[in-house]
Amino acid sequence: MPEKNISRRRFMKDAGLAAGAMLIGARGAKPGEGKKRNKLHLACNVYPWTVFYQREERDFNKDLDKGLAEVAASGVDGFEPIINAPQDVDKIGPLLKKHSLQMRSLYVNSTLHERDQAGKSIEEVFAIAEKAKAVLGTQIIVTNPSPIRWGGPENKNDAQLKVQAEALEALGRKLKGINLTLAYHNHDIELRNAGREFHHMMVGTAPTCVTLCLDAHWIYRGAGNSQVALFDVLKLYGSRVTELHLRQSKDNIWTETFGDGDIDYPALAKYLLDIGVKPHMVLEQAVEAGSPKTVDPVEAIRGSSQYARRVFAEFA
């Protein structure tokens, strides 16, 4: 999931989340629409477009109208932007409608580990969420609580983790009050030190208030490129997954296009189906140092969407 400098075992309590997760993709459908539609709704986060444009020395946000036209041309159905203020919703809303792109989810940063900042951050996120729901019918609010310092080596202490979990649950409860779903997202930093930050955000919050945006590759990378760790996370928290971020690598370097690679996504898809969870699907296939450079952004996302639709076809 995007870094900020560029502006993803309580079975009895968890069990109820499985049914709720299955409904995320269907919310907002008209009566009878589900019977007619057999295509997987697939969205794409803004981060891939940002980095693909950067390597071509272009700025995705400089001409958002043109950028979203390319998003639509890539074959996805929705767009997940980073929203920093309610005014951003007003700016992007007409353009999404123009290009027939839905915004079922949005990504927002939050600062929740310091008690004197958490309350303000909750209100800021809530204001964004309220506007997005009213204007674009947004259903899922994805947040990654900010680290102490972006890119820094510092880790949150136990007191900060407790404050953050309390604030995350409070935010989730507030959003639930207006029928929105909060999905917690992490990068690799939260997997440091036996994953204490990631795991406490899960076990320290109520499943009814805080769900999981599973960014499979950040889990994989944060655990030292371990698919075992990724599937253990699925076993622990799979029923809480309401959104899935899709990115692939080969030999631990991000590929241009989502496809076969280090992570066994067909097995991941089967696991989620077996437990009855059908999350909102969001592509996050991006490039980094060492990634191949053979296609343009539209071609990359188009190829990614075609593969994702095959692997997750039964989620439609």
Protein backbone atom coordinates (compact mmCIF):
# COMPACT_ATOMS: atom_id res chain seq x y z
CA MET A 1 0.00 0.00 0.00
CA PRO A 2 1.11 3.54 -0.53
CA GLU A 3 3.70 5.14 1.69
CA LYS A 4 2.87 8.64 2.91
CA ASN A 5 5.71 10.19 0.97
CA ILE A 6 3.81 9.37 -2.22
CA SER A 7 0.75 11.77 -1.90
CA ARG A 8 -2.64 -2.17 2.26
CA ARG A 9 -7.83 -16.35 17.16
CA ARG A 10 -11.03 -15.41 18.37
CA PHE A 11 -13.02 -17.79 16.18
CA MET A 12 -16.39 -17.43 17.78
CA LYS A 13 -16.29 -13.66 17.60
CA ASP A 14 -14.83 -13.76 14.12
CA ALA A 15 -17.35 -16.20 12.68
CA GLY A 16 -20.01 -13.56 12.11
CA LEU A 17 -17.64 -11.55 9.94
CA ALA A 18 -17.56 -14.22 7.24
CA ALA A 19 -21.15 -13.64 6.21
CA GLY A 20 -20.69 -9.88 6.31
CA ALA A 21 -17.62 -10.00 4.12
CA MET A 22 -19.59 -11.84 1.43
CA LEU A 23 -21.96 -8.90 1.16
CA ILE A 24 -19.36 -6.19 0.54
CA GLY A 25 -19.21 -6.70 -3.21
CA ALA A 26 -23.00 -6.76 -3.52
CA ARG A 27 -23.97 -3.65 -1.55
CA GLY A 28 -25.66 -1.03 -3.59
CA ALA A 29 -26.91 -3.52 -6.22
CA LYS A 30 -30.40 -3.02 -7.60
CA PRO A 31 -33.02 -5.76 -7.09
CA GLY A 32 -32.37 -8.63 -9.46
CA GLU A 33 -29.03 -7.25 -10.54
CA GLY A 34 -27.09 -10.05 -8.87
CA LYS A 35 -28.73 -12.66 -11.08
CA LYS A 36 -27.77 -10.81 -14.24
CA ARG A 37 -24.20 -10.02 -13.31
CA ASN A 38 -21.50 -12.70 -13.38
CA LYS A 39 -18.48 -10.44 -13.69
CA LEU A 40 -16.18 -9.92 -10.73
CA HIS A 41 -16.15 -6.33 -9.53
CA LEU A 42 -12.47 -5.42 -9.52
CA ALA A 43 -11.03 -2.11 -8.36
CA CYS A 44 -7.53 -0.66 -8.47
CA ASN A 45 -5.79 1.46 -5.86
CA VAL A 46 -4.13 4.74 -6.86
CA TYR A 47 -0.67 3.57 -5.75
CA PRO A 48 0.11 1.45 -8.85
CA TRP A 49 -0.77 4.34 -11.13
CA THR A 50 1.42 6.68 -9.13
CA VAL A 51 4.54 4.54 -9.39
CA PHE A 52 3.94 3.42 -12.99
CA TYR A 53 3.58 7.08 -13.98
CA GLN A 54 6.68 8.06 -12.01
CA ARG A 55 8.90 5.68 -13.93
CA GLU A 56 7.67 7.37 -17.13
CA GLU A 57 8.38 10.76 -15.56
CA ARG A 58 4.69 11.55 -15.44
CA ASP A 59 2.46 12.73 -12.60
CA PHE A 60 -0.82 10.85 -12.25
CA ASN A 61 -2.42 13.56 -10.11
CA LYS A 62 -1.44 16.43 -12.41
CA ASP A 63 -4.25 15.60 -14.85
CA LEU A 64 -6.63 13.41 -12.89
CA ASP A 65 -9.21 13.38 -15.68
CA LYS A 66 -6.73 11.90 -18.13
CA GLY A 67 -5.36 9.53 -15.50
CA LEU A 68 -8.79 8.15 -14.63
CA ALA A 69 -9.53 7.70 -18.34
CA GLU A 70 -6.54 5.33 -18.42
CA VAL A 71 -7.77 3.57 -15.28
CA ALA A 72 -11.09 2.93 -17.03
CA ALA A 73 -9.29 1.78 -20.19
CA SER A 74 -7.36 -0.82 -18.16
CA GLY A 75 -10.50 -2.88 -17.61
CA VAL A 76 -11.18 -2.34 -13.90
CA ASP A 77 -14.56 -1.40 -12.49
CA GLY A 78 -13.56 0.76 -9.57
CA PHE A 79 -10.88 3.05 -8.15
CA GLU A 80 -9.58 3.30 -4.59
CA PRO A 81 -7.97 6.72 -4.05
CA ILE A 82 -6.06 8.14 -1.13
CA ILE A 83 -8.33 10.76 0.39
CA ASN A 84 -6.87 13.38 2.73
CA ALA A 85 -9.86 15.69 3.21
CA PRO A 86 -13.60 15.81 2.39
CA GLN A 87 -12.80 18.30 -0.41
CA ASP A 88 -10.89 15.52 -2.21
CA VAL A 89 -14.18 13.64 -2.57
CA ASP A 90 -15.77 16.66 -4.25
CA LYS A 91 -12.84 16.84 -6.66
CA ILE A 92 -12.70 13.20 -7.67
CA GLY A 93 -16.41 12.40 -7.57
CA PRO A 94 -17.47 13.95 -10.91
CA LEU A 95 -14.45 12.44 -12.67
CA LEU A 96 -15.19 8.95 -11.41
CA LYS A 97 -18.78 9.26 -12.62
CA LYS A 98 -17.56 10.58 -15.98
CA HIS A 99 -15.39 7.50 -16.48
CA SER A 100 -17.95 5.05 -15.02
CA LEU A 101 -15.71 4.05 -12.12
CA GLN A 102 -17.12 3.17 -8.71
CA MET A 103 -15.47 4.08 -5.42
CA ARG A 104 -16.63 1.29 -3.15
CA SER A 105 -13.60 1.85 -0.94
CA LEU A 106 -11.12 4.59 -0.13
CA TYR A 107 -7.77 4.69 1.62
CA VAL A 108 -6.96 7.20 4.33
CA ASN A 109 -4.03 7.61 6.69
CA SER A 110 -4.65 8.12 10.40
CA THR A 111 -2.62 8.91 13.49
CA LEU A 112 -3.98 6.85 16.36
CA HIS A 113 -1.07 5.87 18.62
CA GLU A 114 -0.91 9.14 20.58
CA ARG A 115 -3.92 9.91 22.76
CA ASP A 116 -3.73 13.67 22.16
CA GLN A 117 -3.89 13.15 18.38
CA ALA A 118 -6.21 10.15 18.08
CA GLY A 119 -9.47 11.99 18.70
CA LYS A 120 -8.77 14.57 16.02
CA SER A 121 -7.70 11.90 13.55
CA ILE A 122 -10.90 9.91 14.16
CA GLU A 123 -13.01 12.99 13.42
CA GLU A 124 -11.03 13.73 10.25
CA VAL A 125 -11.46 10.19 8.93
CA PHE A 126 -15.14 10.20 9.83
CA ALA A 127 -15.75 13.47 7.96
CA ILE A 128 -14.11 12.01 4.84
CA ALA A 129 -16.09 8.77 5.17
CA GLU A 130 -19.41 10.55 5.66
CA LYS A 131 -18.86 12.67 2.54
CA ALA A 132 -17.70 9.68 0.44
CA LYS A 133 -20.73 7.63 1.40
CA ALA A 134 -23.13 10.45 0.59
CA VAL A 135 -21.53 11.43 -2.72
CA LEU A 136 -20.26 8.13 -4.14
CA GLY A 137 -21.83 5.34 -2.10
CA THR A 138 -18.51 4.28 -0.58
CA GLN A 139 -18.79 1.21 1.65
CA ILE A 140 -15.30 0.46 3.02
CA ILE A 141 -12.85 2.81 4.72
CA VAL A 142 -9.31 1.44 4.64
CA THR A 143 -6.86 2.97 7.08
CA ASN A 144 -3.22 2.42 7.91
CA PRO A 145 -2.37 4.03 11.26
CA SER A 146 0.78 6.04 10.63
CA PRO A 147 4.12 4.90 12.07
CA ILE A 148 6.07 7.11 14.44
CA ARG A 149 8.08 8.36 11.46
CA TRP A 150 7.54 7.30 7.85
CA GLY A 151 10.58 5.38 6.69
CA GLY A 152 12.13 5.45 10.15
CA PRO A 153 13.35 2.56 12.34
CA GLU A 154 11.27 3.48 15.39
CA ASN A 155 8.71 1.04 16.77
CA LYS A 156 5.63 1.85 18.84
CA ASN A 157 5.83 0.80 22.48
CA ASP A 158 3.17 -1.18 24.33
CA ALA A 159 1.39 1.92 25.64
CA GLN A 160 1.13 3.35 22.13
CA LEU A 161 -0.15 0.05 20.74
CA LYS A 162 -2.90 -0.06 23.37
CA VAL A 163 -3.93 3.53 22.60
CA GLN A 164 -3.92 2.79 18.88
CA ALA A 165 -6.09 -0.32 19.21
CA GLU A 166 -8.59 1.54 21.39
CA ALA A 167 -8.74 4.39 18.88
CA LEU A 168 -9.02 2.02 15.92
CA GLU A 169 -11.98 0.29 17.54
CA ALA A 170 -13.57 3.64 18.38
CA LEU A 171 -13.23 4.70 14.74
CA GLY A 172 -14.70 1.42 13.56
CA ARG A 173 -17.66 1.74 15.93
CA LYS A 174 -18.30 5.30 14.77
CA LEU A 175 -18.21 4.26 11.10
CA LYS A 176 -20.44 1.27 11.79
CA GLY A 177 -22.98 3.73 13.12
CA ILE A 178 -23.46 5.06 9.58
CA ASN A 179 -23.25 1.59 7.99
CA LEU A 180 -19.64 1.82 6.85
CA THR A 181 -16.98 -0.86 7.29
CA LEU A 182 -13.53 -0.07 8.68
CA ALA A 183 -10.71 -2.22 7.28
CA TYR A 184 -7.31 -2.14 8.98
CA HIS A 185 -4.33 -2.14 6.60
CA ASN A 186 -0.63 -2.68 7.28
CA HIS A 187 2.70 -2.45 5.50
CA ASP A 188 5.82 -4.43 6.40
CA ILE A 189 6.75 -2.22 9.36
CA GLU A 190 3.87 -3.58 11.46
CA LEU A 191 5.33 -7.09 11.15
CA ARG A 192 8.51 -6.16 13.05
CA ASN A 193 9.18 -7.68 16.45
CA ALA A 194 7.05 -10.81 16.03
CA GLY A 195 4.35 -8.73 14.34
CA ARG A 196 3.30 -7.21 17.65
CA GLU A 197 1.67 -4.14 16.10
CA PHE A 198 -0.24 -6.07 13.45
CA HIS A 199 -1.45 -8.76 15.82
CA HIS A 200 -2.50 -6.35 18.54
CA MET A 201 -4.63 -4.41 16.06
CA MET A 202 -6.41 -7.70 15.42
CA VAL A 203 -6.70 -9.28 18.88
CA GLY A 204 -7.03 -5.92 20.63
CA THR A 205 -10.12 -4.83 18.67
CA ALA A 206 -13.65 -6.17 18.27
CA PRO A 207 -14.23 -8.00 14.95
CA THR A 208 -17.59 -6.29 14.68
CA CYS A 209 -15.87 -2.89 14.55
CA VAL A 210 -12.53 -3.57 12.86
CA THR A 211 -12.15 -5.81 9.82
CA LEU A 212 -9.00 -6.57 7.84
CA CYS A 213 -7.82 -5.26 4.50
CA LEU A 214 -5.47 -8.13 3.73
CA ASP A 215 -2.53 -6.86 1.72
CA ALA A 216 -1.11 -10.28 1.00
CA HIS A 217 2.27 -9.12 -0.26
CA TRP A 218 3.02 -6.76 2.63
CA ILE A 219 2.30 -9.65 5.00
CA TYR A 220 4.54 -11.88 2.89
CA ARG A 221 7.38 -9.33 2.75
CA GLY A 222 7.06 -8.17 6.35
CA ALA A 223 7.41 -11.77 7.51
CA GLY A 224 10.69 -12.21 5.61
CA ASN A 225 9.13 -13.32 2.31
CA SER A 226 7.17 -16.10 3.97
CA GLN A 227 4.10 -17.66 2.41
CA VAL A 228 3.77 -19.79 5.55
CA ALA A 229 3.27 -16.60 7.60
CA LEU A 230 0.74 -15.28 5.09
CA PHE A 231 -1.41 -18.39 5.30
CA ASP A 232 -1.10 -18.44 9.09
CA VAL A 233 -2.57 -14.92 9.09
CA LEU A 234 -5.42 -16.24 6.95
CA LYS A 235 -6.04 -19.03 9.46
CA LEU A 236 -6.05 -16.56 12.35
CA TYR A 237 -8.04 -13.70 10.84
CA GLY A 238 -9.47 -14.93 7.53
CA SER A 239 -13.07 -14.42 8.60
CA ARG A 240 -12.34 -10.72 9.17
CA VAL A 241 -11.08 -10.05 5.63
CA THR A 242 -13.45 -7.60 3.93
CA GLU A 243 -10.96 -6.30 1.36
CA LEU A 244 -8.06 -7.97 -0.42
CA HIS A 245 -5.14 -6.09 -1.99
CA LEU A 246 -3.53 -7.94 -4.86
CA ARG A 247 0.18 -7.69 -5.68
CA GLN A 248 2.67 -10.29 -6.90
CA SER A 249 6.42 -10.74 -7.05
CA LYS A 250 8.93 -13.13 -8.55
CA ASP A 251 12.08 -13.87 -6.58
CA ASN A 252 10.72 -11.29 -4.11
CA ILE A 253 10.74 -8.38 -6.61
CA TRP A 254 7.40 -6.89 -7.66
CA THR A 255 6.33 -7.90 -11.15
CA GLU A 256 4.77 -5.47 -13.60
CA THR A 257 1.66 -7.59 -13.97
CA PHE A 258 -0.31 -9.57 -11.42
CA GLY A 259 0.10 -13.26 -12.27
CA ASP A 260 1.87 -16.42 -11.15
CA GLY A 261 4.75 -15.81 -8.78
CA ASP A 262 5.94 -16.05 -5.19
CA ILE A 263 2.46 -16.04 -3.63
CA ASP A 264 0.05 -18.85 -4.45
CA TYR A 265 -3.04 -16.75 -5.10
CA PRO A 266 -5.15 -19.66 -6.40
CA ALA A 267 -4.61 -21.35 -3.01
CA LEU A 268 -5.43 -18.10 -1.24
CA ALA A 269 -8.65 -17.78 -3.26
CA LYS A 270 -9.61 -21.36 -2.43
CA TYR A 271 -9.01 -20.80 1.27
CA LEU A 272 -11.27 -17.75 1.36
CA LEU A 273 -13.99 -19.57 -0.58
CA ASP A 274 -13.74 -22.55 1.76
CA ILE A 275 -14.44 -20.34 4.78
CA GLY A 276 -17.19 -18.43 2.97
CA VAL A 277 -15.44 -15.06 2.65
CA LYS A 278 -15.73 -12.99 -0.54
CA PRO A 279 -13.93 -9.68 0.02
CA HIS A 280 -13.80 -6.55 -2.11
CA MET A 281 -10.94 -7.06 -4.60
CA VAL A 282 -8.45 -4.24 -5.21
CA LEU A 283 -5.42 -4.48 -7.50
CA GLU A 284 -2.21 -3.02 -6.15
CA GLN A 285 0.26 -4.42 -8.65
CA ALA A 286 3.11 -1.92 -8.62
CA VAL A 287 6.76 -1.59 -9.58
CA GLU A 288 9.90 -1.00 -7.54
CA ALA A 289 13.66 -1.04 -8.03
CA GLY A 290 14.48 -4.16 -10.03
CA SER A 291 11.00 -4.62 -11.52
CA PRO A 292 10.91 -5.34 -15.28
CA LYS A 293 9.99 -2.50 -17.62
CA THR A 294 8.20 -3.93 -20.64
CA VAL A 295 4.69 -2.45 -20.62
CA ASP A 296 2.93 0.84 -20.02
CA PRO A 297 0.57 1.41 -17.07
CA VAL A 298 -2.63 0.58 -18.97
CA GLU A 299 -1.18 -2.65 -20.34
CA ALA A 300 0.13 -3.64 -16.91
CA ILE A 301 -3.18 -3.14 -15.14
CA ARG A 302 -5.16 -4.68 -18.00
CA GLY A 303 -3.05 -7.84 -17.82
CA SER A 304 -3.34 -7.82 -14.02
CA SER A 305 -7.12 -7.51 -14.15
CA GLN A 306 -7.44 -10.38 -16.63
CA TYR A 307 -5.42 -12.71 -14.40
CA ALA A 308 -7.28 -11.62 -11.26
CA ARG A 309 -10.65 -12.27 -12.91
CA ARG A 310 -9.55 -15.81 -13.76
CA VAL A 311 -8.18 -16.63 -10.31
CA PHE A 312 -11.08 -15.07 -8.42
CA ALA A 313 -13.85 -15.89 -10.92
CA GLU A 314 -15.91 -17.73 -8.30
CA PHE A 315 -16.04 -14.57 -6.17
CA ALA A 316 -18.31 -12.81 -8.69
